[in-house]
Amino acid sequence: MSTRVKVEIRQLPHGEGLALPAYQSAHAAGLDLLAAVPDGTPLVLAPGKYALVPTGLTIALPPGHEAQVRPRSGLAAKHGVTVLNSPGTIDADYRGEIGVLLINHGDAPFPIRRGERIAQMVIAPVTTAEFVPVASLSATDRGTGGFGSTGR
């Protein structure tokens, strides 16, 4: 069962005319973000290069929430294009434009056209940690075993 939360959203002038983020199925976790690049002038992402792609959106998340910007699996599987800093985090007090940092791991240039679905955004609650200094930590079977210590 999911929980609904109201998120204020504003389209910037270069995002006008684009659809607002939307879920593509009844049980989808992520809302699609669209590229707000100029119409008729795609942003071409060369192999091995990255670019910050505008969405033309700003949001006001309620306190205690974050938005995560994640890759779209289809872009990654078909073209090798993904979100470089995945997941990107949008904090509740950020009011700037949502940008998507895409990188092309594929072997061909990838044009990003206006209105193209470039990433997904997941709204999630945030747990705030309170660190408590101690002299030692409780013992576990794993102990200090790190990278690869529990298997392949």
N, C-alpha and C. Protein backbone atom coordinates (compact mmCIF):
# COMPACT_ATOMS: atom_id res chain seq x y z
N MET A 1 0.84 -1.18 0.00
CA MET A 1 0.00 0.00 0.00
C MET A 1 0.89 1.24 0.00
N SER A 2 0.62 2.17 -0.89
CA SER A 2 1.42 3.38 -0.96
C SER A 2 0.76 4.51 -0.19
N THR A 3 1.58 5.51 0.14
CA THR A 3 1.11 6.69 0.84
C THR A 3 1.16 7.87 -0.11
N ARG A 4 0.13 8.69 -0.10
CA ARG A 4 0.11 9.88 -0.96
C ARG A 4 0.68 11.08 -0.18
N VAL A 5 1.44 11.89 -0.90
CA VAL A 5 1.97 13.12 -0.33
C VAL A 5 1.82 14.21 -1.39
N LYS A 6 1.41 15.40 -0.96
CA LYS A 6 1.25 16.51 -1.90
C LYS A 6 2.60 17.19 -2.11
N VAL A 7 2.96 17.40 -3.38
CA VAL A 7 4.21 18.06 -3.74
C VAL A 7 3.87 19.23 -4.66
N GLU A 8 4.24 20.43 -4.23
CA GLU A 8 4.03 21.60 -5.08
C GLU A 8 5.03 21.55 -6.23
N ILE A 9 4.55 21.91 -7.44
CA ILE A 9 5.41 21.86 -8.63
C ILE A 9 5.18 23.12 -9.45
N ARG A 10 6.25 23.60 -10.05
CA ARG A 10 6.17 24.80 -10.90
C ARG A 10 6.93 24.55 -12.19
N GLN A 11 6.31 24.86 -13.31
CA GLN A 11 6.99 24.77 -14.60
C GLN A 11 7.66 26.09 -14.90
N LEU A 12 8.93 26.02 -15.25
CA LEU A 12 9.67 27.21 -15.67
C LEU A 12 9.33 27.52 -17.11
N PRO A 13 9.60 28.73 -17.58
CA PRO A 13 9.23 29.10 -18.95
C PRO A 13 9.71 28.11 -20.02
N HIS A 14 10.93 27.60 -19.90
CA HIS A 14 11.43 26.67 -20.93
C HIS A 14 10.82 25.27 -20.81
N GLY A 15 10.04 25.03 -19.76
CA GLY A 15 9.35 23.76 -19.61
C GLY A 15 7.87 23.82 -19.96
N GLU A 16 7.37 25.02 -20.28
CA GLU A 16 5.96 25.17 -20.60
C GLU A 16 5.59 24.34 -21.82
N GLY A 17 4.42 23.73 -21.74
CA GLY A 17 3.94 22.89 -22.83
C GLY A 17 4.29 21.42 -22.66
N LEU A 18 5.21 21.11 -21.77
CA LEU A 18 5.57 19.72 -21.49
C LEU A 18 4.63 19.17 -20.42
N ALA A 19 4.38 17.88 -20.47
CA ALA A 19 3.55 17.22 -19.46
C ALA A 19 4.27 17.25 -18.11
N LEU A 20 3.50 17.33 -17.05
CA LEU A 20 4.08 17.22 -15.70
C LEU A 20 4.51 15.77 -15.47
N PRO A 21 5.41 15.54 -14.51
CA PRO A 21 5.81 14.16 -14.21
C PRO A 21 4.57 13.30 -13.94
N ALA A 22 4.62 12.06 -14.44
CA ALA A 22 3.47 11.18 -14.29
C ALA A 22 3.92 9.74 -14.12
N TYR A 23 3.12 8.99 -13.36
CA TYR A 23 3.33 7.55 -13.24
C TYR A 23 2.78 6.90 -14.50
N GLN A 24 3.49 5.89 -15.02
CA GLN A 24 3.09 5.26 -16.27
C GLN A 24 2.26 3.99 -16.06
N SER A 25 2.13 3.55 -14.80
CA SER A 25 1.27 2.41 -14.51
C SER A 25 0.73 2.55 -13.09
N ALA A 26 -0.26 1.77 -12.76
CA ALA A 26 -0.95 1.89 -11.48
C ALA A 26 -0.03 1.67 -10.28
N HIS A 27 0.98 0.85 -10.42
CA HIS A 27 1.85 0.53 -9.27
C HIS A 27 3.28 1.01 -9.48
N ALA A 28 3.49 1.93 -10.40
CA ALA A 28 4.83 2.46 -10.65
C ALA A 28 5.33 3.24 -9.44
N ALA A 29 6.61 3.12 -9.13
CA ALA A 29 7.22 3.86 -8.03
C ALA A 29 7.75 5.21 -8.49
N GLY A 30 8.15 5.29 -9.77
CA GLY A 30 8.76 6.50 -10.28
C GLY A 30 7.88 7.26 -11.25
N LEU A 31 8.03 8.57 -11.23
CA LEU A 31 7.35 9.48 -12.16
C LEU A 31 8.35 9.83 -13.26
N ASP A 32 7.93 9.84 -14.49
CA ASP A 32 8.84 10.16 -15.59
C ASP A 32 9.16 11.65 -15.63
N LEU A 33 10.45 11.95 -15.83
CA LEU A 33 10.91 13.32 -16.03
C LEU A 33 11.21 13.49 -17.51
N LEU A 34 10.85 14.65 -18.06
CA LEU A 34 11.01 14.93 -19.49
C LEU A 34 12.10 15.97 -19.72
N ALA A 35 12.74 15.87 -20.86
CA ALA A 35 13.79 16.83 -21.25
C ALA A 35 13.16 18.13 -21.70
N ALA A 36 13.62 19.24 -21.13
CA ALA A 36 13.13 20.57 -21.51
C ALA A 36 14.19 21.29 -22.36
N VAL A 37 14.67 20.58 -23.37
CA VAL A 37 15.62 21.19 -24.31
C VAL A 37 14.82 21.91 -25.39
N PRO A 38 15.44 22.85 -26.12
CA PRO A 38 14.69 23.59 -27.15
C PRO A 38 14.11 22.66 -28.21
N ASP A 39 12.91 22.99 -28.65
CA ASP A 39 12.24 22.22 -29.69
C ASP A 39 13.03 22.32 -31.00
N GLY A 40 13.26 21.20 -31.64
CA GLY A 40 14.00 21.19 -32.91
C GLY A 40 15.50 21.27 -32.76
N THR A 41 16.00 21.36 -31.52
CA THR A 41 17.44 21.41 -31.28
C THR A 41 17.80 20.37 -30.22
N PRO A 42 17.89 19.11 -30.59
CA PRO A 42 18.20 18.10 -29.59
C PRO A 42 19.60 18.30 -29.00
N LEU A 43 19.75 17.88 -27.78
CA LEU A 43 21.06 17.86 -27.13
C LEU A 43 21.66 16.51 -27.49
N VAL A 44 22.78 16.50 -28.19
CA VAL A 44 23.39 15.23 -28.63
C VAL A 44 24.47 14.86 -27.64
N LEU A 45 24.29 13.69 -27.04
CA LEU A 45 25.22 13.16 -26.04
C LEU A 45 26.16 12.18 -26.73
N ALA A 46 27.41 12.59 -26.91
CA ALA A 46 28.40 11.75 -27.58
C ALA A 46 28.80 10.59 -26.67
N PRO A 47 29.28 9.49 -27.24
CA PRO A 47 29.74 8.36 -26.42
C PRO A 47 30.81 8.82 -25.41
N GLY A 48 30.64 8.39 -24.16
CA GLY A 48 31.59 8.72 -23.12
C GLY A 48 31.39 10.10 -22.51
N LYS A 49 30.46 10.87 -23.01
CA LYS A 49 30.23 12.24 -22.51
C LYS A 49 28.99 12.30 -21.64
N TYR A 50 28.92 13.35 -20.83
CA TYR A 50 27.76 13.56 -19.98
C TYR A 50 27.29 15.00 -20.10
N ALA A 51 26.03 15.22 -19.72
CA ALA A 51 25.46 16.56 -19.77
C ALA A 51 24.34 16.68 -18.74
N LEU A 52 24.18 17.90 -18.24
CA LEU A 52 23.08 18.20 -17.33
C LEU A 52 21.88 18.61 -18.18
N VAL A 53 20.84 17.80 -18.15
CA VAL A 53 19.66 18.01 -18.98
C VAL A 53 18.58 18.69 -18.15
N PRO A 54 18.08 19.85 -18.60
CA PRO A 54 17.04 20.54 -17.83
C PRO A 54 15.69 19.85 -17.96
N THR A 55 14.88 19.99 -16.91
CA THR A 55 13.51 19.46 -16.94
C THR A 55 12.48 20.58 -16.98
N GLY A 56 12.91 21.81 -16.69
CA GLY A 56 11.96 22.92 -16.65
C GLY A 56 11.04 22.88 -15.45
N LEU A 57 11.43 22.17 -14.40
CA LEU A 57 10.58 21.99 -13.21
C LEU A 57 11.30 22.37 -11.94
N THR A 58 10.55 22.95 -11.02
CA THR A 58 10.99 23.11 -9.64
C THR A 58 9.90 22.52 -8.75
N ILE A 59 10.29 21.99 -7.60
CA ILE A 59 9.32 21.38 -6.69
C ILE A 59 9.59 21.83 -5.26
N ALA A 60 8.57 21.72 -4.44
CA ALA A 60 8.68 21.97 -3.00
C ALA A 60 8.20 20.70 -2.29
N LEU A 61 9.16 19.90 -1.89
CA LEU A 61 8.83 18.67 -1.16
C LEU A 61 8.47 19.01 0.28
N PRO A 62 7.56 18.26 0.86
CA PRO A 62 7.26 18.49 2.27
C PRO A 62 8.44 18.05 3.14
N PRO A 63 8.61 18.68 4.30
CA PRO A 63 9.69 18.26 5.21
C PRO A 63 9.60 16.76 5.48
N GLY A 64 10.76 16.14 5.61
CA GLY A 64 10.80 14.71 5.88
C GLY A 64 10.72 13.85 4.63
N HIS A 65 10.86 14.48 3.44
CA HIS A 65 10.83 13.75 2.18
C HIS A 65 12.00 14.16 1.30
N GLU A 66 12.32 13.31 0.35
CA GLU A 66 13.31 13.58 -0.67
C GLU A 66 12.76 13.09 -1.99
N ALA A 67 13.39 13.54 -3.07
CA ALA A 67 13.10 12.98 -4.39
C ALA A 67 14.40 12.39 -4.90
N GLN A 68 14.33 11.18 -5.43
CA GLN A 68 15.49 10.52 -6.02
C GLN A 68 15.33 10.51 -7.53
N VAL A 69 16.37 10.95 -8.23
CA VAL A 69 16.37 10.91 -9.69
C VAL A 69 17.13 9.65 -10.09
N ARG A 70 16.44 8.77 -10.80
CA ARG A 70 16.99 7.46 -11.15
C ARG A 70 16.96 7.25 -12.66
N PRO A 71 17.78 6.32 -13.16
CA PRO A 71 17.78 6.03 -14.60
C PRO A 71 16.48 5.37 -15.05
N ARG A 72 16.22 5.47 -16.33
CA ARG A 72 15.15 4.69 -16.96
C ARG A 72 15.82 3.45 -17.53
N SER A 73 15.30 2.30 -17.20
CA SER A 73 15.94 1.05 -17.60
C SER A 73 15.99 0.90 -19.12
N GLY A 74 14.99 1.38 -19.83
CA GLY A 74 14.97 1.26 -21.28
C GLY A 74 16.10 2.03 -21.94
N LEU A 75 16.39 3.24 -21.45
CA LEU A 75 17.50 4.02 -22.02
C LEU A 75 18.83 3.32 -21.77
N ALA A 76 18.98 2.75 -20.59
CA ALA A 76 20.23 2.06 -20.26
C ALA A 76 20.38 0.79 -21.09
N ALA A 77 19.32 0.00 -21.18
CA ALA A 77 19.40 -1.29 -21.89
C ALA A 77 19.55 -1.12 -23.40
N LYS A 78 18.85 -0.15 -23.97
CA LYS A 78 18.86 0.01 -25.43
C LYS A 78 19.96 0.91 -25.95
N HIS A 79 20.39 1.90 -25.13
CA HIS A 79 21.32 2.90 -25.64
C HIS A 79 22.56 3.11 -24.77
N GLY A 80 22.60 2.52 -23.58
CA GLY A 80 23.74 2.73 -22.68
C GLY A 80 23.71 4.09 -22.02
N VAL A 81 22.54 4.74 -21.99
CA VAL A 81 22.42 6.07 -21.40
C VAL A 81 21.80 5.92 -20.01
N THR A 82 22.45 6.54 -19.01
CA THR A 82 22.00 6.39 -17.63
C THR A 82 22.24 7.68 -16.86
N VAL A 83 21.76 7.72 -15.62
CA VAL A 83 21.98 8.87 -14.74
C VAL A 83 23.34 8.69 -14.08
N LEU A 84 24.21 9.68 -14.25
CA LEU A 84 25.59 9.57 -13.77
C LEU A 84 25.68 9.50 -12.25
N ASN A 85 24.97 10.33 -11.56
CA ASN A 85 25.04 10.36 -10.09
C ASN A 85 23.82 9.66 -9.49
N SER A 86 23.61 8.44 -9.88
CA SER A 86 22.39 7.73 -9.53
C SER A 86 22.47 7.08 -8.15
N PRO A 87 21.46 7.26 -7.31
CA PRO A 87 20.37 8.20 -7.54
C PRO A 87 20.78 9.62 -7.16
N GLY A 88 20.33 10.57 -7.94
CA GLY A 88 20.50 11.97 -7.58
C GLY A 88 19.48 12.29 -6.50
N THR A 89 19.87 13.11 -5.54
CA THR A 89 18.99 13.43 -4.43
C THR A 89 18.53 14.88 -4.49
N ILE A 90 17.23 15.08 -4.37
CA ILE A 90 16.65 16.41 -4.26
C ILE A 90 16.14 16.53 -2.84
N ASP A 91 16.71 17.47 -2.09
CA ASP A 91 16.33 17.67 -0.70
C ASP A 91 15.07 18.52 -0.59
N ALA A 92 14.40 18.41 0.54
CA ALA A 92 13.14 19.11 0.76
C ALA A 92 13.30 20.63 0.74
N ASP A 93 14.50 21.14 1.01
CA ASP A 93 14.68 22.59 1.03
C ASP A 93 15.27 23.14 -0.28
N TYR A 94 15.44 22.31 -1.30
CA TYR A 94 15.96 22.76 -2.61
C TYR A 94 14.81 23.32 -3.44
N ARG A 95 15.02 24.48 -4.02
CA ARG A 95 13.98 25.11 -4.84
C ARG A 95 14.45 25.43 -6.26
N GLY A 96 15.61 24.93 -6.64
CA GLY A 96 16.11 25.17 -7.99
C GLY A 96 15.53 24.18 -8.98
N GLU A 97 15.93 24.36 -10.23
CA GLU A 97 15.44 23.48 -11.29
C GLU A 97 15.97 22.06 -11.10
N ILE A 98 15.13 21.09 -11.37
CA ILE A 98 15.56 19.70 -11.37
C ILE A 98 16.32 19.47 -12.67
N GLY A 99 17.56 19.04 -12.52
CA GLY A 99 18.38 18.70 -13.67
C GLY A 99 18.72 17.23 -13.60
N VAL A 100 18.90 16.62 -14.75
CA VAL A 100 19.24 15.20 -14.82
C VAL A 100 20.61 15.08 -15.47
N LEU A 101 21.57 14.54 -14.72
CA LEU A 101 22.92 14.37 -15.22
C LEU A 101 23.02 13.02 -15.94
N LEU A 102 22.93 13.07 -17.27
CA LEU A 102 22.97 11.85 -18.08
C LEU A 102 24.36 11.61 -18.63
N ILE A 103 24.73 10.33 -18.76
CA ILE A 103 25.99 9.95 -19.39
C ILE A 103 25.70 8.87 -20.43
N ASN A 104 26.45 8.94 -21.52
CA ASN A 104 26.28 7.97 -22.61
C ASN A 104 27.42 6.95 -22.54
N HIS A 105 27.09 5.76 -22.04
CA HIS A 105 28.06 4.65 -22.01
C HIS A 105 27.99 3.83 -23.29
N GLY A 106 27.11 4.20 -24.21
CA GLY A 106 26.96 3.48 -25.46
C GLY A 106 28.06 3.84 -26.45
N ASP A 107 27.96 3.28 -27.66
CA ASP A 107 28.99 3.52 -28.66
C ASP A 107 28.52 4.42 -29.80
N ALA A 108 27.33 5.01 -29.66
CA ALA A 108 26.80 5.90 -30.69
C ALA A 108 26.29 7.18 -30.04
N PRO A 109 26.35 8.31 -30.75
CA PRO A 109 25.77 9.54 -30.22
C PRO A 109 24.28 9.32 -29.92
N PHE A 110 23.80 9.95 -28.85
CA PHE A 110 22.40 9.80 -28.45
C PHE A 110 21.74 11.17 -28.40
N PRO A 111 20.79 11.42 -29.31
CA PRO A 111 20.09 12.71 -29.28
C PRO A 111 18.99 12.72 -28.22
N ILE A 112 18.96 13.78 -27.43
CA ILE A 112 17.93 13.96 -26.41
C ILE A 112 17.00 15.06 -26.92
N ARG A 113 15.77 14.69 -27.23
CA ARG A 113 14.80 15.61 -27.83
C ARG A 113 13.84 16.16 -26.78
N ARG A 114 13.28 17.31 -27.07
CA ARG A 114 12.31 17.94 -26.18
C ARG A 114 11.15 16.97 -25.90
N GLY A 115 10.80 16.87 -24.62
CA GLY A 115 9.68 16.02 -24.21
C GLY A 115 10.01 14.56 -24.06
N GLU A 116 11.26 14.17 -24.36
CA GLU A 116 11.65 12.77 -24.21
C GLU A 116 11.77 12.41 -22.74
N ARG A 117 11.32 11.20 -22.39
CA ARG A 117 11.44 10.72 -21.00
C ARG A 117 12.90 10.35 -20.76
N ILE A 118 13.55 11.04 -19.82
CA ILE A 118 15.00 10.87 -19.63
C ILE A 118 15.37 10.23 -18.30
N ALA A 119 14.47 10.24 -17.33
CA ALA A 119 14.77 9.68 -16.01
C ALA A 119 13.46 9.49 -15.28
N GLN A 120 13.55 8.91 -14.10
CA GLN A 120 12.37 8.81 -13.26
C GLN A 120 12.68 9.40 -11.90
N MET A 121 11.65 9.90 -11.26
CA MET A 121 11.80 10.53 -9.95
C MET A 121 10.93 9.78 -8.95
N VAL A 122 11.55 9.37 -7.86
CA VAL A 122 10.84 8.65 -6.79
C VAL A 122 10.80 9.55 -5.56
N ILE A 123 9.61 9.78 -5.02
CA ILE A 123 9.43 10.56 -3.80
C ILE A 123 9.46 9.58 -2.63
N ALA A 124 10.28 9.87 -1.63
CA ALA A 124 10.45 8.93 -0.52
C ALA A 124 10.59 9.66 0.82
N PRO A 125 10.14 9.01 1.90
CA PRO A 125 10.37 9.59 3.22
C PRO A 125 11.84 9.48 3.60
N VAL A 126 12.28 10.36 4.47
CA VAL A 126 13.68 10.40 4.90
C VAL A 126 13.74 10.09 6.39
N THR A 127 14.66 9.25 6.77
CA THR A 127 14.94 8.99 8.17
C THR A 127 16.18 9.81 8.55
N THR A 128 16.08 10.57 9.62
CA THR A 128 17.20 11.38 10.08
C THR A 128 17.92 10.64 11.19
N ALA A 129 19.21 10.48 11.02
CA ALA A 129 20.02 9.75 12.01
C ALA A 129 20.52 10.68 13.10
N GLU A 130 20.59 10.15 14.30
CA GLU A 130 21.22 10.84 15.41
C GLU A 130 22.38 9.94 15.85
N PHE A 131 23.60 10.40 15.63
CA PHE A 131 24.76 9.58 15.97
C PHE A 131 25.04 9.64 17.46
N VAL A 132 25.33 8.46 18.04
CA VAL A 132 25.62 8.33 19.45
C VAL A 132 27.03 7.76 19.60
N PRO A 133 27.98 8.58 20.03
CA PRO A 133 29.36 8.09 20.20
C PRO A 133 29.41 6.98 21.25
N VAL A 134 30.15 5.89 20.94
CA VAL A 134 30.33 4.78 21.87
C VAL A 134 31.79 4.34 21.82
N ALA A 135 32.23 3.60 22.83
CA ALA A 135 33.60 3.11 22.88
C ALA A 135 33.80 1.90 21.99
N SER A 136 32.74 1.09 21.80
CA SER A 136 32.83 -0.08 20.92
C SER A 136 31.43 -0.41 20.40
N LEU A 137 31.40 -1.18 19.31
CA LEU A 137 30.14 -1.58 18.71
C LEU A 137 29.82 -3.01 19.09
N SER A 138 28.55 -3.38 19.01
CA SER A 138 28.15 -4.76 19.32
C SER A 138 28.75 -5.71 18.29
N ALA A 139 29.04 -6.94 18.71
CA ALA A 139 29.64 -7.95 17.84
C ALA A 139 28.59 -8.56 16.92
N THR A 140 29.03 -8.95 15.70
CA THR A 140 28.17 -9.66 14.74
C THR A 140 28.97 -10.81 14.14
N ASP A 141 28.30 -11.76 13.50
CA ASP A 141 29.00 -12.85 12.84
C ASP A 141 29.91 -12.33 11.73
N ARG A 142 29.50 -11.29 11.04
CA ARG A 142 30.29 -10.74 9.93
C ARG A 142 31.49 -9.95 10.43
N GLY A 143 31.33 -9.26 11.51
CA GLY A 143 32.43 -8.46 12.06
C GLY A 143 32.85 -7.36 11.11
N THR A 144 34.16 -7.27 10.86
CA THR A 144 34.69 -6.19 10.00
C THR A 144 34.87 -6.61 8.56
N GLY A 145 34.36 -7.78 8.19
CA GLY A 145 34.50 -8.26 6.81
C GLY A 145 33.81 -7.29 5.86
N GLY A 146 34.56 -6.82 4.86
CA GLY A 146 34.03 -5.83 3.93
C GLY A 146 33.84 -6.41 2.54
N PHE A 147 34.20 -5.64 1.54
CA PHE A 147 33.99 -5.94 0.13
C PHE A 147 34.24 -7.41 -0.23
N GLY A 148 33.17 -8.12 -0.57
CA GLY A 148 33.28 -9.50 -1.01
C GLY A 148 33.43 -10.52 0.11
N SER A 149 33.36 -10.09 1.36
CA SER A 149 33.62 -11.02 2.45
C SER A 149 32.50 -12.03 2.68
N THR A 150 31.30 -11.77 2.16
CA THR A 150 30.19 -12.69 2.39
C THR A 150 29.92 -13.56 1.16
N GLY A 151 30.82 -13.51 0.21
CA GLY A 151 30.64 -14.30 -1.01
C GLY A 151 30.98 -13.48 -2.24
N ARG A 152 30.73 -14.04 -3.37
CA ARG A 152 31.08 -13.42 -4.63
C ARG A 152 30.42 -12.15 -4.94
